[in-house]
Amino acid sequence: GGGLVQPGGSLRLSCAAYQTSFFSINTMGW
């Protein structure tokens, strides 16, 4: 979702977590 935008513009970033272990992801952040 990153890229080049003009001031005042909008973007939406996405982060997909592909999990192979079994613990719970408690916290996510940017």
Full PDB file with SEQRES, HELIX, SHEET, SSBOND, CRYST1, ORIGX, SCALE, CONECT and MASTER records, all heavy atoms in Angstrom:
SEQRES   1 A   30  GLY GLY GLY LEU VAL GLN PRO GLY GLY SER LEU ARG LEU          
SEQRES   2 A   30  SER CYS ALA ALA TYR GLN THR SER PHE PHE SER ILE ASN          
SEQRES   3 A   30  THR MET GLY TRP                                              
CRYST1    1.000    1.000    1.000  90.00  90.00  90.00 P 1           1          
ORIGX1      1.000000  0.000000  0.000000        0.00000                         
ORIGX2      0.000000  1.000000  0.000000        0.00000                         
ORIGX3      0.000000  0.000000  1.000000        0.00000                         
SCALE1      1.000000  0.000000  0.000000        0.00000                         
SCALE2      0.000000  1.000000  0.000000        0.00000                         
SCALE3      0.000000  0.000000  1.000000        0.00000                         
ATOM      1  N   GLY A   1       0.767  -1.230   0.000  1.00  0.00           N  
ATOM      2  CA  GLY A   1       0.000   0.000   0.000  1.00  0.00           C  
ATOM      3  C   GLY A   1       0.798   1.280   0.000  1.00  0.00           C  
ATOM      4  O   GLY A   1       0.217   2.362  -0.143  1.00  0.00           O  
ATOM      5  N   GLY A   2       2.100   1.189   0.172  1.00  0.00           N  
ATOM      6  CA  GLY A   2       2.912   2.394   0.148  1.00  0.00           C  
ATOM      7  C   GLY A   2       3.007   2.980  -1.247  1.00  0.00           C  
ATOM      8  O   GLY A   2       2.624   2.362  -2.240  1.00  0.00           O  
ATOM      9  N   GLY A   3       3.515   4.193  -1.308  1.00  0.00           N  
ATOM     10  CA  GLY A   3       3.664   4.845  -2.590  1.00  0.00           C  
ATOM     11  C   GLY A   3       3.885   6.326  -2.453  1.00  0.00           C  
ATOM     12  O   GLY A   3       4.168   6.838  -1.366  1.00  0.00           O  
ATOM     13  N   LEU A   4       3.746   7.013  -3.566  1.00  0.00           N  
ATOM     14  CA  LEU A   4       3.937   8.456  -3.648  1.00  0.00           C  
ATOM     15  C   LEU A   4       2.577   9.135  -3.712  1.00  0.00           C  
ATOM     16  O   LEU A   4       1.743   8.795  -4.562  1.00  0.00           O  
ATOM     17  CB  LEU A   4       4.763   8.806  -4.885  1.00  0.00           C  
ATOM     18  CG  LEU A   4       4.934  10.285  -5.213  1.00  0.00           C  
ATOM     19  CD1 LEU A   4       5.724  10.989  -4.117  1.00  0.00           C  
ATOM     20  CD2 LEU A   4       5.607  10.443  -6.565  1.00  0.00           C  
ATOM     21  N   VAL A   5       2.350  10.084  -2.812  1.00  0.00           N  
ATOM     22  CA  VAL A   5       1.107  10.850  -2.795  1.00  0.00           C  
ATOM     23  C   VAL A   5       1.426  12.321  -2.598  1.00  0.00           C  
ATOM     24  O   VAL A   5       2.479  12.687  -2.069  1.00  0.00           O  
ATOM     25  CB  VAL A   5       0.132  10.378  -1.698  1.00  0.00           C  
ATOM     26  CG1 VAL A   5      -0.324   8.945  -1.952  1.00  0.00           C  
ATOM     27  CG2 VAL A   5       0.777  10.496  -0.328  1.00  0.00           C  
ATOM     28  N   GLN A   6       0.491  13.159  -3.015  1.00  0.00           N  
ATOM     29  CA  GLN A   6       0.633  14.591  -2.805  1.00  0.00           C  
ATOM     30  C   GLN A   6       0.171  14.974  -1.404  1.00  0.00           C  
ATOM     31  O   GLN A   6      -0.614  14.256  -0.780  1.00  0.00           O  
ATOM     32  CB  GLN A   6      -0.175  15.362  -3.842  1.00  0.00           C  
ATOM     33  CG  GLN A   6       0.370  15.247  -5.254  1.00  0.00           C  
ATOM     34  CD  GLN A   6      -0.388  16.114  -6.225  1.00  0.00           C  
ATOM     35  OE1 GLN A   6      -1.613  16.171  -6.190  1.00  0.00           O  
ATOM     36  NE2 GLN A   6       0.342  16.807  -7.088  1.00  0.00           N  
ATOM     37  N   PRO A   7       0.669  16.080  -0.877  1.00  0.00           N  
ATOM     38  CA  PRO A   7       0.168  16.545   0.419  1.00  0.00           C  
ATOM     39  C   PRO A   7      -1.353  16.666   0.413  1.00  0.00           C  
ATOM     40  O   PRO A   7      -1.950  17.134  -0.557  1.00  0.00           O  
ATOM     41  CB  PRO A   7       0.839  17.909   0.592  1.00  0.00           C  
ATOM     42  CG  PRO A   7       2.099  17.797  -0.209  1.00  0.00           C  
ATOM     43  CD  PRO A   7       1.745  16.942  -1.400  1.00  0.00           C  
ATOM     44  N   GLY A   8      -1.965  16.234   1.508  1.00  0.00           N  
ATOM     45  CA  GLY A   8      -3.408  16.208   1.610  1.00  0.00           C  
ATOM     46  C   GLY A   8      -4.047  14.934   1.112  1.00  0.00           C  
ATOM     47  O   GLY A   8      -5.255  14.737   1.312  1.00  0.00           O  
ATOM     48  N   GLY A   9      -3.275  14.077   0.485  1.00  0.00           N  
ATOM     49  CA  GLY A   9      -3.796  12.837  -0.039  1.00  0.00           C  
ATOM     50  C   GLY A   9      -3.922  11.759   1.017  1.00  0.00           C  
ATOM     51  O   GLY A   9      -3.640  11.970   2.195  1.00  0.00           O  
ATOM     52  N   SER A  10      -4.341  10.578   0.564  1.00  0.00           N  
ATOM     53  CA  SER A  10      -4.595   9.456   1.456  1.00  0.00           C  
ATOM     54  C   SER A  10      -3.949   8.187   0.932  1.00  0.00           C  
ATOM     55  O   SER A  10      -3.770   8.013  -0.277  1.00  0.00           O  
ATOM     56  CB  SER A  10      -6.101   9.213   1.607  1.00  0.00           C  
ATOM     57  OG  SER A  10      -6.761  10.329   2.172  1.00  0.00           O  
ATOM     58  N   LEU A  11      -3.606   7.318   1.843  1.00  0.00           N  
ATOM     59  CA  LEU A  11      -3.119   5.980   1.543  1.00  0.00           C  
ATOM     60  C   LEU A  11      -3.638   5.023   2.593  1.00  0.00           C  
ATOM     61  O   LEU A  11      -3.886   5.423   3.733  1.00  0.00           O  
ATOM     62  CB  LEU A  11      -1.590   5.910   1.534  1.00  0.00           C  
ATOM     63  CG  LEU A  11      -0.815   6.440   0.333  1.00  0.00           C  
ATOM     64  CD1 LEU A  11       0.676   6.372   0.628  1.00  0.00           C  
ATOM     65  CD2 LEU A  11      -1.140   5.647  -0.919  1.00  0.00           C  
ATOM     66  N   ARG A  12      -3.773   3.761   2.225  1.00  0.00           N  
ATOM     67  CA  ARG A  12      -4.045   2.722   3.190  1.00  0.00           C  
ATOM     68  C   ARG A  12      -2.980   1.642   3.084  1.00  0.00           C  
ATOM     69  O   ARG A  12      -2.808   1.034   2.023  1.00  0.00           O  
ATOM     70  CB  ARG A  12      -5.430   2.094   3.006  1.00  0.00           C  
ATOM     71  CG  ARG A  12      -5.771   1.148   4.171  1.00  0.00           C  
ATOM     72  CD  ARG A  12      -7.180   0.616   4.124  1.00  0.00           C  
ATOM     73  NE  ARG A  12      -7.313  -0.528   3.234  1.00  0.00           N  
ATOM     74  CZ  ARG A  12      -8.286  -1.424   3.309  1.00  0.00           C  
ATOM     75  NH1 ARG A  12      -9.228  -1.299   4.243  1.00  0.00           N  
ATOM     76  NH2 ARG A  12      -8.337  -2.420   2.447  1.00  0.00           N  
ATOM     77  N   LEU A  13      -2.292   1.425   4.176  1.00  0.00           N  
ATOM     78  CA  LEU A  13      -1.302   0.369   4.264  1.00  0.00           C  
ATOM     79  C   LEU A  13      -1.944  -0.896   4.812  1.00  0.00           C  
ATOM     80  O   LEU A  13      -2.815  -0.837   5.686  1.00  0.00           O  
ATOM     81  CB  LEU A  13      -0.142   0.781   5.169  1.00  0.00           C  
ATOM     82  CG  LEU A  13       0.565   2.099   4.841  1.00  0.00           C  
ATOM     83  CD1 LEU A  13       1.725   2.313   5.804  1.00  0.00           C  
ATOM     84  CD2 LEU A  13       1.037   2.128   3.400  1.00  0.00           C  
ATOM     85  N   SER A  14      -1.496  -2.026   4.309  1.00  0.00           N  
ATOM     86  CA  SER A  14      -1.964  -3.315   4.788  1.00  0.00           C  
ATOM     87  C   SER A  14      -0.773  -4.162   5.196  1.00  0.00           C  
ATOM     88  O   SER A  14       0.305  -4.062   4.609  1.00  0.00           O  
ATOM     89  CB  SER A  14      -2.767  -4.051   3.713  1.00  0.00           C  
ATOM     90  OG  SER A  14      -3.912  -3.325   3.338  1.00  0.00           O  
ATOM     91  N   CYS A  15      -0.980  -5.001   6.180  1.00  0.00           N  
ATOM     92  CA  CYS A  15       0.041  -5.924   6.650  1.00  0.00           C  
ATOM     93  C   CYS A  15      -0.631  -7.255   6.935  1.00  0.00           C  
ATOM     94  O   CYS A  15      -1.427  -7.360   7.880  1.00  0.00           O  
ATOM     95  CB  CYS A  15       0.736  -5.380   7.896  1.00  0.00           C  
ATOM     96  SG  CYS A  15       1.859  -6.551   8.698  1.00  0.00           S  
ATOM     97  N   ALA A  16      -0.313  -8.250   6.147  1.00  0.00           N  
ATOM     98  CA  ALA A  16      -0.852  -9.589   6.336  1.00  0.00           C  
ATOM     99  C   ALA A  16       0.143 -10.423   7.116  1.00  0.00           C  
ATOM    100  O   ALA A  16       1.317 -10.514   6.740  1.00  0.00           O  
ATOM    101  CB  ALA A  16      -1.163 -10.240   4.998  1.00  0.00           C  
ATOM    102  N   ALA A  17      -0.312 -11.015   8.205  1.00  0.00           N  
ATOM    103  CA  ALA A  17       0.524 -11.856   9.049  1.00  0.00           C  
ATOM    104  C   ALA A  17       0.268 -13.310   8.702  1.00  0.00           C  
ATOM    105  O   ALA A  17      -0.825 -13.832   8.936  1.00  0.00           O  
ATOM    106  CB  ALA A  17       0.245 -11.595  10.522  1.00  0.00           C  
ATOM    107  N   TYR A  18       1.275 -13.952   8.140  1.00  0.00           N  
ATOM    108  CA  TYR A  18       1.198 -15.370   7.806  1.00  0.00           C  
ATOM    109  C   TYR A  18       1.875 -16.137   8.927  1.00  0.00           C  
ATOM    110  O   TYR A  18       3.093 -16.102   9.071  1.00  0.00           O  
ATOM    111  CB  TYR A  18       1.849 -15.639   6.458  1.00  0.00           C  
ATOM    112  CG  TYR A  18       1.166 -14.927   5.330  1.00  0.00           C  
ATOM    113  CD1 TYR A  18       1.627 -13.695   4.883  1.00  0.00           C  
ATOM    114  CD2 TYR A  18       0.046 -15.475   4.718  1.00  0.00           C  
ATOM    115  CE1 TYR A  18       0.984 -13.029   3.855  1.00  0.00           C  
ATOM    116  CE2 TYR A  18      -0.599 -14.815   3.689  1.00  0.00           C  
ATOM    117  CZ  TYR A  18      -0.126 -13.598   3.257  1.00  0.00           C  
ATOM    118  OH  TYR A  18      -0.762 -12.939   2.233  1.00  0.00           O  
ATOM    119  N   GLN A  19       1.063 -16.824   9.708  1.00  0.00           N  
ATOM    120  CA  GLN A  19       1.513 -17.401  10.969  1.00  0.00           C  
ATOM    121  C   GLN A  19       1.587 -18.912  10.864  1.00  0.00           C  
ATOM    122  O   GLN A  19       0.606 -19.569  10.502  1.00  0.00           O  
ATOM    123  CB  GLN A  19       0.568 -16.981  12.099  1.00  0.00           C  
ATOM    124  CG  GLN A  19       1.055 -17.320  13.487  1.00  0.00           C  
ATOM    125  CD  GLN A  19       0.174 -16.704  14.559  1.00  0.00           C  
ATOM    126  OE1 GLN A  19      -0.921 -16.217  14.287  1.00  0.00           O  
ATOM    127  NE2 GLN A  19       0.649 -16.731  15.790  1.00  0.00           N  
ATOM    128  N   THR A  20       2.743 -19.450  11.186  1.00  0.00           N  
ATOM    129  CA  THR A  20       2.934 -20.900  11.190  1.00  0.00           C  
ATOM    130  C   THR A  20       3.053 -21.478  12.593  1.00  0.00           C  
ATOM    131  O   THR A  20       2.994 -22.695  12.752  1.00  0.00           O  
ATOM    132  CB  THR A  20       4.177 -21.284  10.379  1.00  0.00           C  
ATOM    133  OG1 THR A  20       5.335 -20.638  10.922  1.00  0.00           O  
ATOM    134  CG2 THR A  20       4.012 -20.868   8.927  1.00  0.00           C  
ATOM    135  N   SER A  21       3.229 -20.635  13.599  1.00  0.00           N  
ATOM    136  CA  SER A  21       3.225 -21.077  14.986  1.00  0.00           C  
ATOM    137  C   SER A  21       1.838 -20.868  15.581  1.00  0.00           C  
ATOM    138  O   SER A  21       0.922 -20.371  14.914  1.00  0.00           O  
ATOM    139  CB  SER A  21       4.293 -20.339  15.797  1.00  0.00           C  
ATOM    140  OG  SER A  21       4.117 -18.936  15.710  1.00  0.00           O  
ATOM    141  N   PHE A  22       1.685 -21.198  16.849  1.00  0.00           N  
ATOM    142  CA  PHE A  22       0.347 -21.271  17.415  1.00  0.00           C  
ATOM    143  C   PHE A  22       0.058 -20.235  18.498  1.00  0.00           C  
ATOM    144  O   PHE A  22      -1.005 -20.278  19.119  1.00  0.00           O  
ATOM    145  CB  PHE A  22       0.113 -22.668  17.984  1.00  0.00           C  
ATOM    146  CG  PHE A  22       0.239 -23.746  16.959  1.00  0.00           C  
ATOM    147  CD1 PHE A  22       1.384 -24.515  16.888  1.00  0.00           C  
ATOM    148  CD2 PHE A  22      -0.782 -23.979  16.053  1.00  0.00           C  
ATOM    149  CE1 PHE A  22       1.514 -25.505  15.933  1.00  0.00           C  
ATOM    150  CE2 PHE A  22      -0.668 -24.966  15.093  1.00  0.00           C  
ATOM    151  CZ  PHE A  22       0.481 -25.729  15.026  1.00  0.00           C  
ATOM    152  N   PHE A  23       0.952 -19.305  18.723  1.00  0.00           N  
ATOM    153  CA  PHE A  23       0.716 -18.304  19.748  1.00  0.00           C  
ATOM    154  C   PHE A  23      -0.234 -17.228  19.249  1.00  0.00           C  
ATOM    155  O   PHE A  23      -0.407 -17.030  18.042  1.00  0.00           O  
ATOM    156  CB  PHE A  23       2.039 -17.682  20.213  1.00  0.00           C  
ATOM    157  CG  PHE A  23       2.674 -16.771  19.212  1.00  0.00           C  
ATOM    158  CD1 PHE A  23       2.451 -15.400  19.263  1.00  0.00           C  
ATOM    159  CD2 PHE A  23       3.497 -17.261  18.220  1.00  0.00           C  
ATOM    160  CE1 PHE A  23       3.044 -14.547  18.349  1.00  0.00           C  
ATOM    161  CE2 PHE A  23       4.090 -16.428  17.294  1.00  0.00           C  
ATOM    162  CZ  PHE A  23       3.865 -15.068  17.360  1.00  0.00           C  
ATOM    163  N   SER A  24      -0.842 -16.525  20.179  1.00  0.00           N  
ATOM    164  CA  SER A  24      -1.756 -15.440  19.860  1.00  0.00           C  
ATOM    165  C   SER A  24      -0.971 -14.148  19.656  1.00  0.00           C  
ATOM    166  O   SER A  24      -0.131 -13.792  20.483  1.00  0.00           O  
ATOM    167  CB  SER A  24      -2.777 -15.257  20.977  1.00  0.00           C  
ATOM    168  OG  SER A  24      -3.611 -14.139  20.739  1.00  0.00           O  
ATOM    169  N   ILE A  25      -1.241 -13.458  18.548  1.00  0.00           N  
ATOM    170  CA  ILE A  25      -0.635 -12.150  18.317  1.00  0.00           C  
ATOM    171  C   ILE A  25      -1.470 -11.127  19.083  1.00  0.00           C  
ATOM    172  O   ILE A  25      -2.575 -10.773  18.671  1.00  0.00           O  
ATOM    173  CB  ILE A  25      -0.579 -11.808  16.828  1.00  0.00           C  
ATOM    174  CG1 ILE A  25       0.283 -12.835  16.086  1.00  0.00           C  
ATOM    175  CG2 ILE A  25      -0.029 -10.396  16.628  1.00  0.00           C  
ATOM    176  CD1 ILE A  25       0.281 -12.670  14.585  1.00  0.00           C  
ATOM    177  N   ASN A  26      -0.932 -10.667  20.195  1.00  0.00           N  
ATOM    178  CA  ASN A  26      -1.678  -9.748  21.045  1.00  0.00           C  
ATOM    179  C   ASN A  26      -1.658  -8.321  20.516  1.00  0.00           C  
ATOM    180  O   ASN A  26      -2.684  -7.641  20.489  1.00  0.00           O  
ATOM    181  CB  ASN A  26      -1.125  -9.784  22.472  1.00  0.00           C  
ATOM    182  CG  ASN A  26      -1.835  -8.823  23.392  1.00  0.00           C  
ATOM    183  OD1 ASN A  26      -1.295  -7.776  23.754  1.00  0.00           O  
ATOM    184  ND2 ASN A  26      -3.052  -9.166  23.776  1.00  0.00           N  
ATOM    185  N   THR A  27      -0.486  -7.876  20.100  1.00  0.00           N  
ATOM    186  CA  THR A  27      -0.296  -6.487  19.712  1.00  0.00           C  
ATOM    187  C   THR A  27       0.166  -6.411  18.268  1.00  0.00           C  
ATOM    188  O   THR A  27       1.069  -7.141  17.857  1.00  0.00           O  
ATOM    189  CB  THR A  27       0.746  -5.800  20.614  1.00  0.00           C  
ATOM    190  OG1 THR A  27       0.347  -5.920  21.977  1.00  0.00           O  
ATOM    191  CG2 THR A  27       0.881  -4.322  20.254  1.00  0.00           C  
ATOM    192  N   MET A  28      -0.436  -5.523  17.513  1.00  0.00           N  
ATOM    193  CA  MET A  28       0.053  -5.189  16.190  1.00  0.00           C  
ATOM    194  C   MET A  28       0.207  -3.676  16.116  1.00  0.00           C  
ATOM    195  O   MET A  28      -0.519  -2.936  16.782  1.00  0.00           O  
ATOM    196  CB  MET A  28      -0.873  -5.682  15.090  1.00  0.00           C  
ATOM    197  CG  MET A  28      -1.063  -7.194  15.082  1.00  0.00           C  
ATOM    198  SD  MET A  28      -1.911  -7.827  13.607  1.00  0.00           S  
ATOM    199  CE  MET A  28      -0.556  -7.777  12.413  1.00  0.00           C  
ATOM    200  N   GLY A  29       1.155  -3.250  15.318  1.00  0.00           N  
ATOM    201  CA  GLY A  29       1.391  -1.820  15.243  1.00  0.00           C  
ATOM    202  C   GLY A  29       2.135  -1.411  13.999  1.00  0.00           C  
ATOM    203  O   GLY A  29       2.666  -2.242  13.258  1.00  0.00           O  
ATOM    204  N   TRP A  30       2.141  -0.112  13.792  1.00  0.00           N  
ATOM    205  CA  TRP A  30       2.899   0.512  12.723  1.00  0.00           C  
ATOM    206  C   TRP A  30       3.941   1.436  13.331  1.00  0.00           C  
ATOM    207  O   TRP A  30       3.637   2.210  14.250  1.00  0.00           O  
ATOM    208  CB  TRP A  30       1.998   1.318  11.785  1.00  0.00           C  
ATOM    209  CG  TRP A  30       1.072   0.479  10.968  1.00  0.00           C  
ATOM    210  CD1 TRP A  30      -0.229   0.183  11.226  1.00  0.00           C  
ATOM    211  CD2 TRP A  30       1.391  -0.175   9.732  1.00  0.00           C  
ATOM    212  NE1 TRP A  30      -0.750  -0.608  10.240  1.00  0.00           N  
ATOM    213  CE2 TRP A  30       0.223  -0.848   9.310  1.00  0.00           C  
ATOM    214  CE3 TRP A  30       2.539  -0.262   8.951  1.00  0.00           C  
ATOM    215  CZ2 TRP A  30       0.175  -1.596   8.133  1.00  0.00           C  
ATOM    216  CZ3 TRP A  30       2.496  -1.006   7.789  1.00  0.00           C  
ATOM    217  CH2 TRP A  30       1.319  -1.662   7.392  1.00  0.00           C  
TER     218      TRP A  30                                                      
MASTER        0    0    0    0    0    0    0    6  217    1    0    3          
END                                                                             
